[in-house]
């Protein structure tokens, strides 16, 4: 449905996925450094605790993404021609819509229902 509503073309004019990876890595590293160097942490949520304990996994996956997806990868993917995801890879729009649809609670059942 998303593709029908917004149109699809071969390739993309930008390297959005790679740019987002770089931006997200910067934000996550900055946040992790700030949390680790804070003198006092008044309240630690389970999500913060998980990120502190598992940041090495996040870094590892960022490196894997860089290694396995060449800089031009986004330009090879089909992209939307109009709508809120115009110019962006179709898979990005699908992923955003799915995550929004399931309130970021990803599991096999919701994946099968969504697709």
C-alpha atoms as a PDB file:
ATOM      1  CA  UNK A   1       0.000   0.000   0.000  1.00  0.00           C
ATOM      2  CA  UNK A   2       2.757   2.446   0.932  1.00  0.00           C
ATOM      3  CA  UNK A   3       4.390   2.034  -2.477  1.00  0.00           C
ATOM      4  CA  UNK A   4       1.071   2.521  -4.268  1.00  0.00           C
ATOM      5  CA  UNK A   5       0.344   5.728  -2.367  1.00  0.00           C
ATOM      6  CA  UNK A   6       3.772   7.295  -2.751  1.00  0.00           C
ATOM      7  CA  UNK A   7       5.159   5.890  -6.008  1.00  0.00           C
ATOM      8  CA  UNK A   8       8.436   4.051  -6.476  1.00  0.00           C
ATOM      9  CA  UNK A   9      11.445   4.539  -8.704  1.00  0.00           C
ATOM     10  CA  UNK A  10      14.747   2.741  -9.090  1.00  0.00           C
ATOM     11  CA  UNK A  11      17.540   4.170  -6.991  1.00  0.00           C
ATOM     12  CA  UNK A  12      17.809   7.222  -4.795  1.00  0.00           C
ATOM     13  CA  UNK A  13      19.592  10.542  -5.227  1.00  0.00           C
ATOM     14  CA  UNK A  14      20.969  10.538  -1.712  1.00  0.00           C
ATOM     15  CA  UNK A  15      22.826   8.365   0.727  1.00  0.00           C
ATOM     16  CA  UNK A  16      20.321   8.840   3.536  1.00  0.00           C
ATOM     17  CA  UNK A  17      20.795   5.523   5.311  1.00  0.00           C
ATOM     18  CA  UNK A  18      24.545   6.062   5.630  1.00  0.00           C
ATOM     19  CA  UNK A  19      24.003   9.651   6.830  1.00  0.00           C
ATOM     20  CA  UNK A  20      21.518   8.460   9.453  1.00  0.00           C
ATOM     21  CA  UNK A  21      23.965   5.808  10.611  1.00  0.00           C
ATOM     22  CA  UNK A  22      26.651   8.468  11.097  1.00  0.00           C
ATOM     23  CA  UNK A  23      24.267  10.837  12.912  1.00  0.00           C
ATOM     24  CA  UNK A  24      22.934   8.110  15.190  1.00  0.00           C
ATOM     25  CA  UNK A  25      26.428   6.882  16.008  1.00  0.00           C
ATOM     26  CA  UNK A  26      27.478  10.403  17.005  1.00  0.00           C
ATOM     27  CA  UNK A  27      24.421  10.887  19.219  1.00  0.00           C
ATOM     28  CA  UNK A  28      24.771   7.483  20.889  1.00  0.00           C
ATOM     29  CA  UNK A  29      28.495   7.920  21.562  1.00  0.00           C
ATOM     30  CA  UNK A  30      27.955  11.403  22.981  1.00  0.00           C
ATOM     31  CA  UNK A  31      25.124  10.197  25.223  1.00  0.00           C
ATOM     32  CA  UNK A  32      27.091   7.158  26.395  1.00  0.00           C
ATOM     33  CA  UNK A  33      30.116   9.318  27.243  1.00  0.00           C
ATOM     34  CA  UNK A  34      27.955  11.810  29.146  1.00  0.00           C
ATOM     35  CA  UNK A  35      26.277   9.063  31.178  1.00  0.00           C
ATOM     36  CA  UNK A  36      29.586   7.368  31.972  1.00  0.00           C
ATOM     37  CA  UNK A  37      31.243  10.619  33.083  1.00  0.00           C
ATOM     38  CA  UNK A  38      28.307  11.968  35.080  1.00  0.00           C
ATOM     39  CA  UNK A  39      29.150  12.443  38.751  1.00  0.00           C
ATOM     40  CA  UNK A  40      25.633  11.616  39.849  1.00  0.00           C
ATOM     41  CA  UNK A  41      22.854   9.799  38.125  1.00  0.00           C
ATOM     42  CA  UNK A  42      19.618  10.329  40.008  1.00  0.00           C
ATOM     43  CA  UNK A  43      17.497   7.797  38.191  1.00  0.00           C
ATOM     44  CA  UNK A  44      18.514   5.066  35.774  1.00  0.00           C
ATOM     45  CA  UNK A  45      15.773   3.607  33.630  1.00  0.00           C
ATOM     46  CA  UNK A  46      16.045   0.032  32.359  1.00  0.00           C
ATOM     47  CA  UNK A  47      16.744   1.413  28.864  1.00  0.00           C
ATOM     48  CA  UNK A  48      19.645   3.556  30.119  1.00  0.00           C
ATOM     49  CA  UNK A  49      21.039   0.631  32.073  1.00  0.00           C
ATOM     50  CA  UNK A  50      20.795  -1.618  29.019  1.00  0.00           C
ATOM     51  CA  UNK A  51      22.588   0.945  26.847  1.00  0.00           C
ATOM     52  CA  UNK A  52      25.382   1.390  29.378  1.00  0.00           C
ATOM     53  CA  UNK A  53      25.856  -2.360  29.753  1.00  0.00           C
ATOM     54  CA  UNK A  54      25.547  -3.186  26.060  1.00  0.00           C
ATOM     55  CA  UNK A  55      26.987  -0.193  24.265  1.00  0.00           C
ATOM     56  CA  UNK A  56      29.722  -2.388  22.840  1.00  0.00           C
ATOM     57  CA  UNK A  57      26.990  -4.324  20.957  1.00  0.00           C
ATOM     58  CA  UNK A  58      25.641  -1.108  19.447  1.00  0.00           C
ATOM     59  CA  UNK A  59      29.138  -0.106  18.330  1.00  0.00           C
ATOM     60  CA  UNK A  60      29.717  -3.563  16.864  1.00  0.00           C
ATOM     61  CA  UNK A  61      26.523  -3.366  14.806  1.00  0.00           C
ATOM     62  CA  UNK A  62      27.420   0.096  13.525  1.00  0.00           C
ATOM     63  CA  UNK A  63      30.774  -1.279  12.339  1.00  0.00           C
ATOM     64  CA  UNK A  64      29.043  -4.254  10.722  1.00  0.00           C
ATOM     65  CA  UNK A  65      26.635  -1.951   8.892  1.00  0.00           C
ATOM     66  CA  UNK A  66      29.531   0.105   7.561  1.00  0.00           C
ATOM     67  CA  UNK A  67      31.429  -2.980   6.478  1.00  0.00           C
ATOM     68  CA  UNK A  68      28.541  -4.744   4.736  1.00  0.00           C
ATOM     69  CA  UNK A  69      26.779  -1.782   3.140  1.00  0.00           C
ATOM     70  CA  UNK A  70      28.942   0.226   0.759  1.00  0.00           C
ATOM     71  CA  UNK A  71      28.556   4.003   0.659  1.00  0.00           C
ATOM     72  CA  UNK A  72      26.512   3.791  -2.526  1.00  0.00           C
ATOM     73  CA  UNK A  73      24.108   1.155  -1.175  1.00  0.00           C
ATOM     74  CA  UNK A  74      21.230   3.588  -0.594  1.00  0.00           C
ATOM     75  CA  UNK A  75      21.486   4.783  -4.168  1.00  0.00           C
ATOM     76  CA  UNK A  76      20.816   1.256  -5.426  1.00  0.00           C
ATOM     77  CA  UNK A  77      17.585   0.785  -3.446  1.00  0.00           C
ATOM     78  CA  UNK A  78      14.131   1.608  -4.819  1.00  0.00           C
ATOM     79  CA  UNK A  79      12.952   4.932  -3.414  1.00  0.00           C
ATOM     80  CA  UNK A  80       9.679   6.784  -2.972  1.00  0.00           C
ATOM     81  CA  UNK A  81       8.833   9.515  -5.474  1.00  0.00           C
ATOM     82  CA  UNK A  82       6.347  11.467  -3.345  1.00  0.00           C
ATOM     83  CA  UNK A  83       4.913  11.752   0.146  1.00  0.00           C
ATOM     84  CA  UNK A  84       6.756  12.066   3.473  1.00  0.00           C
ATOM     85  CA  UNK A  85       9.447   9.615   2.354  1.00  0.00           C
ATOM     86  CA  UNK A  86      10.049  11.143  -1.095  1.00  0.00           C
ATOM     87  CA  UNK A  87      13.600  10.463  -2.243  1.00  0.00           C
ATOM     88  CA  UNK A  88      14.228   8.003   0.580  1.00  0.00           C
ATOM     89  CA  UNK A  89      14.734   4.255   0.176  1.00  0.00           C
ATOM     90  CA  UNK A  90      11.488   2.296   0.245  1.00  0.00           C
ATOM     91  CA  UNK A  91      12.823   0.000   2.984  1.00  0.00           C
ATOM     92  CA  UNK A  92      13.348   3.001   5.266  1.00  0.00           C
ATOM     93  CA  UNK A  93       9.716   4.084   4.919  1.00  0.00           C
ATOM     94  CA  UNK A  94       8.504   0.543   5.476  1.00  0.00           C
ATOM     95  CA  UNK A  95      10.654   0.169   8.604  1.00  0.00           C
ATOM     96  CA  UNK A  96       9.480   3.495  10.058  1.00  0.00           C
ATOM     97  CA  UNK A  97       5.833   2.638   9.404  1.00  0.00           C
ATOM     98  CA  UNK A  98       6.234  -0.826  10.930  1.00  0.00           C
ATOM     99  CA  UNK A  99       7.968   0.455  14.066  1.00  0.00           C
ATOM    100  CA  UNK A 100       5.274   3.132  14.462  1.00  0.00           C
ATOM    101  CA  UNK A 101       2.521   0.583  13.912  1.00  0.00           C
ATOM    102  CA  UNK A 102       3.755  -1.768  16.654  1.00  0.00           C
ATOM    103  CA  UNK A 103       4.899   0.973  19.073  1.00  0.00           C
ATOM    104  CA  UNK A 104       8.505  -0.284  18.687  1.00  0.00           C
ATOM    105  CA  UNK A 105       7.569  -3.711  20.084  1.00  0.00           C
ATOM    106  CA  UNK A 106       9.063  -5.903  17.405  1.00  0.00           C
ATOM    107  CA  UNK A 107       8.312  -9.609  17.357  1.00  0.00           C
ATOM    108  CA  UNK A 108       7.654 -12.353  14.829  1.00  0.00           C
ATOM    109  CA  UNK A 109       3.867 -12.177  15.117  1.00  0.00           C
ATOM    110  CA  UNK A 110       3.675  -8.437  14.513  1.00  0.00           C
ATOM    111  CA  UNK A 111       6.062  -8.756  11.553  1.00  0.00           C
ATOM    112  CA  UNK A 112       3.845 -11.407   9.966  1.00  0.00           C
ATOM    113  CA  UNK A 113       0.715  -9.348  10.586  1.00  0.00           C
ATOM    114  CA  UNK A 114       2.231  -6.149   9.206  1.00  0.00           C
ATOM    115  CA  UNK A 115       3.582  -7.726   6.048  1.00  0.00           C
END
